[in-house]
């Protein structure tokens, strides 16, 4: 079980979390930009 408590695991979770937040922000920005001219 000590394999999961390592530097790589924390960096992996941090990267996935930031990537998910960035993807949501990008999706909101694209949908908002596409809807504006109408």
PDB file of N, CA and C in Angstrom:
ATOM      1  N   UNK A   1       0.824  -1.201   0.000  1.00  0.00           N
ATOM      2  CA  UNK A   1       0.000   0.000   0.000  1.00  0.00           C
ATOM      3  C   UNK A   1       0.861   1.254   0.000  1.00  0.00           C
ATOM      4  N   UNK A   2       2.133   1.107   0.310  1.00  0.00           N
ATOM      5  CA  UNK A   2       3.012   2.278   0.338  1.00  0.00           C
ATOM      6  C   UNK A   2       3.291   2.797  -1.069  1.00  0.00           C
ATOM      7  N   UNK A   3       2.943   2.011  -2.084  1.00  0.00           N
ATOM      8  CA  UNK A   3       3.158   2.453  -3.460  1.00  0.00           C
ATOM      9  C   UNK A   3       2.309   3.676  -3.790  1.00  0.00           C
ATOM     10  N   UNK A   4       1.113   3.732  -3.226  1.00  0.00           N
ATOM     11  CA  UNK A   4       0.205   4.825  -3.551  1.00  0.00           C
ATOM     12  C   UNK A   4       0.581   6.119  -2.842  1.00  0.00           C
ATOM     13  N   UNK A   5       1.322   6.020  -1.757  1.00  0.00           N
ATOM     14  CA  UNK A   5       1.721   7.219  -1.015  1.00  0.00           C
ATOM     15  C   UNK A   5       3.128   7.587  -1.463  1.00  0.00           C
ATOM     16  N   UNK A   6       3.228   8.187  -2.619  1.00  0.00           N
ATOM     17  CA  UNK A   6       4.528   8.575  -3.150  1.00  0.00           C
ATOM     18  C   UNK A   6       4.406   9.922  -3.835  1.00  0.00           C
ATOM     19  N   UNK A   7       5.541  10.506  -4.179  1.00  0.00           N
ATOM     20  CA  UNK A   7       5.537  11.807  -4.840  1.00  0.00           C
ATOM     21  C   UNK A   7       4.828  11.756  -6.179  1.00  0.00           C
ATOM     22  N   UNK A   8       5.009  10.669  -6.911  1.00  0.00           N
ATOM     23  CA  UNK A   8       4.384  10.547  -8.224  1.00  0.00           C
ATOM     24  C   UNK A   8       2.868  10.564  -8.115  1.00  0.00           C
ATOM     25  N   UNK A   9       2.328   9.877  -7.123  1.00  0.00           N
ATOM     26  CA  UNK A   9       0.871   9.785  -6.986  1.00  0.00           C
ATOM     27  C   UNK A   9       0.264  11.149  -6.726  1.00  0.00           C
ATOM     28  N   UNK A  10       0.885  11.940  -5.834  1.00  0.00           N
ATOM     29  CA  UNK A  10       0.343  13.263  -5.523  1.00  0.00           C
ATOM     30  C   UNK A  10       0.439  14.180  -6.737  1.00  0.00           C
ATOM     31  N   UNK A  11       1.542  14.084  -7.482  1.00  0.00           N
ATOM     32  CA  UNK A  11       1.669  14.900  -8.696  1.00  0.00           C
ATOM     33  C   UNK A  11       0.649  14.469  -9.746  1.00  0.00           C
ATOM     34  N   UNK A  12       0.391  13.174  -9.841  1.00  0.00           N
ATOM     35  CA  UNK A  12      -0.576  12.654 -10.803  1.00  0.00           C
ATOM     36  C   UNK A  12      -1.979  13.166 -10.495  1.00  0.00           C
ATOM     37  N   UNK A  13      -2.376  13.116  -9.242  1.00  0.00           N
ATOM     38  CA  UNK A  13      -3.701  13.586  -8.845  1.00  0.00           C
ATOM     39  C   UNK A  13      -3.817  15.090  -9.057  1.00  0.00           C
ATOM     40  N   UNK A  14      -2.766  15.831  -8.733  1.00  0.00           N
ATOM     41  CA  UNK A  14      -2.768  17.282  -8.937  1.00  0.00           C
ATOM     42  C   UNK A  14      -2.914  17.613 -10.415  1.00  0.00           C
ATOM     43  N   UNK A  15      -2.198  16.899 -11.275  1.00  0.00           N
ATOM     44  CA  UNK A  15      -2.275  17.146 -12.717  1.00  0.00           C
ATOM     45  C   UNK A  15      -3.666  16.847 -13.255  1.00  0.00           C
ATOM     46  N   UNK A  16      -4.250  15.738 -12.846  1.00  0.00           N
ATOM     47  CA  UNK A  16      -5.589  15.375 -13.306  1.00  0.00           C
ATOM     48  C   UNK A  16      -6.619  16.404 -12.851  1.00  0.00           C
ATOM     49  N   UNK A  17      -6.498  16.869 -11.614  1.00  0.00           N
ATOM     50  CA  UNK A  17      -7.444  17.863 -11.094  1.00  0.00           C
ATOM     51  C   UNK A  17      -7.337  19.172 -11.857  1.00  0.00           C
ATOM     52  N   UNK A  18      -6.118  19.655 -12.065  1.00  0.00           N
ATOM     53  CA  UNK A  18      -5.928  20.910 -12.794  1.00  0.00           C
ATOM     54  C   UNK A  18      -6.383  20.774 -14.242  1.00  0.00           C
ATOM     55  N   UNK A  19      -6.131  19.625 -14.854  1.00  0.00           N
ATOM     56  CA  UNK A  19      -6.558  19.406 -16.230  1.00  0.00           C
ATOM     57  C   UNK A  19      -8.084  19.396 -16.330  1.00  0.00           C
ATOM     58  N   UNK A  20      -8.757  18.817 -15.354  1.00  0.00           N
ATOM     59  CA  UNK A  20     -10.221  18.795 -15.359  1.00  0.00           C
ATOM     60  C   UNK A  20     -10.796  20.198 -15.205  1.00  0.00           C
ATOM     61  N   UNK A  21     -10.226  20.985 -14.298  1.00  0.00           N
ATOM     62  CA  UNK A  21     -10.695  22.359 -14.099  1.00  0.00           C
ATOM     63  C   UNK A  21     -10.450  23.186 -15.355  1.00  0.00           C
ATOM     64  N   UNK A  22      -9.283  23.015 -15.970  1.00  0.00           N
ATOM     65  CA  UNK A  22      -8.965  23.753 -17.190  1.00  0.00           C
ATOM     66  C   UNK A  22      -9.903  23.347 -18.327  1.00  0.00           C
ATOM     67  N   UNK A  23     -10.231  22.068 -18.421  1.00  0.00           N
ATOM     68  CA  UNK A  23     -11.135  21.598 -19.467  1.00  0.00           C
ATOM     69  C   UNK A  23     -12.539  22.168 -19.275  1.00  0.00           C
ATOM     70  N   UNK A  24     -13.000  22.241 -18.041  1.00  0.00           N
ATOM     71  CA  UNK A  24     -14.320  22.824 -17.770  1.00  0.00           C
ATOM     72  C   UNK A  24     -14.335  24.307 -18.114  1.00  0.00           C
ATOM     73  N   UNK A  25     -13.275  25.016 -17.751  1.00  0.00           N
ATOM     74  CA  UNK A  25     -13.197  26.441 -18.054  1.00  0.00           C
ATOM     75  C   UNK A  25     -13.155  26.663 -19.563  1.00  0.00           C
ATOM     76  N   UNK A  26     -12.415  25.832 -20.273  1.00  0.00           N
ATOM     77  CA  UNK A  26     -12.331  25.950 -21.728  1.00  0.00           C
ATOM     78  C   UNK A  26     -13.686  25.667 -22.370  1.00  0.00           C
ATOM     79  N   UNK A  27     -14.390  24.664 -21.870  1.00  0.00           N
ATOM     80  CA  UNK A  27     -15.709  24.334 -22.408  1.00  0.00           C
ATOM     81  C   UNK A  27     -16.695  25.473 -22.180  1.00  0.00           C
ATOM     82  N   UNK A  28     -16.683  26.061 -20.990  1.00  0.00           N
ATOM     83  CA  UNK A  28     -17.561  27.197 -20.713  1.00  0.00           C
ATOM     84  C   UNK A  28     -17.222  28.379 -21.612  1.00  0.00           C
ATOM     85  N   UNK A  29     -15.928  28.630 -21.824  1.00  0.00           N
ATOM     86  CA  UNK A  29     -15.508  29.761 -22.652  1.00  0.00           C
ATOM     87  C   UNK A  29     -15.943  29.562 -24.106  1.00  0.00           C
ATOM     88  N   UNK A  30     -15.788  28.333 -24.614  1.00  0.00           N
ATOM     89  CA  UNK A  30     -16.163  28.052 -26.006  1.00  0.00           C
ATOM     90  C   UNK A  30     -17.675  28.174 -26.193  1.00  0.00           C
ATOM     91  N   UNK A  31     -18.449  27.615 -25.274  1.00  0.00           N
ATOM     92  CA  UNK A  31     -19.906  27.683 -25.418  1.00  0.00           C
ATOM     93  C   UNK A  31     -20.410  29.112 -25.257  1.00  0.00           C
ATOM     94  N   UNK A  32     -19.829  29.878 -24.378  1.00  0.00           N
ATOM     95  CA  UNK A  32     -20.237  31.264 -24.177  1.00  0.00           C
ATOM     96  C   UNK A  32     -19.877  32.109 -25.399  1.00  0.00           C
ATOM     97  N   UNK A  33     -18.703  31.854 -25.981  1.00  0.00           N
ATOM     98  CA  UNK A  33     -18.267  32.612 -27.150  1.00  0.00           C
ATOM     99  C   UNK A  33     -19.126  32.267 -28.363  1.00  0.00           C
ATOM    100  N   UNK A  34     -19.537  31.019 -28.486  1.00  0.00           N
ATOM    101  CA  UNK A  34     -20.332  30.597 -29.641  1.00  0.00           C
ATOM    102  C   UNK A  34     -21.754  31.145 -29.550  1.00  0.00           C
ATOM    103  N   UNK A  35     -22.258  31.349 -28.357  1.00  0.00           N
ATOM    104  CA  UNK A  35     -23.637  31.787 -28.178  1.00  0.00           C
ATOM    105  C   UNK A  35     -23.773  33.308 -28.286  1.00  0.00           C
ATOM    106  N   UNK A  36     -22.700  34.050 -28.080  1.00  0.00           N
ATOM    107  CA  UNK A  36     -22.772  35.512 -28.014  1.00  0.00           C
ATOM    108  C   UNK A  36     -23.284  36.178 -29.299  1.00  0.00           C
ATOM    109  N   UNK A  37     -22.798  35.805 -30.492  1.00  0.00           N
ATOM    110  CA  UNK A  37     -23.223  36.542 -31.700  1.00  0.00           C
ATOM    111  C   UNK A  37     -24.696  36.365 -32.054  1.00  0.00           C
ATOM    112  N   UNK A  38     -25.325  35.306 -31.584  1.00  0.00           N
ATOM    113  CA  UNK A  38     -26.718  35.031 -31.966  1.00  0.00           C
ATOM    114  C   UNK A  38     -27.658  36.049 -31.333  1.00  0.00           C
TER     115      UNK A  38
END
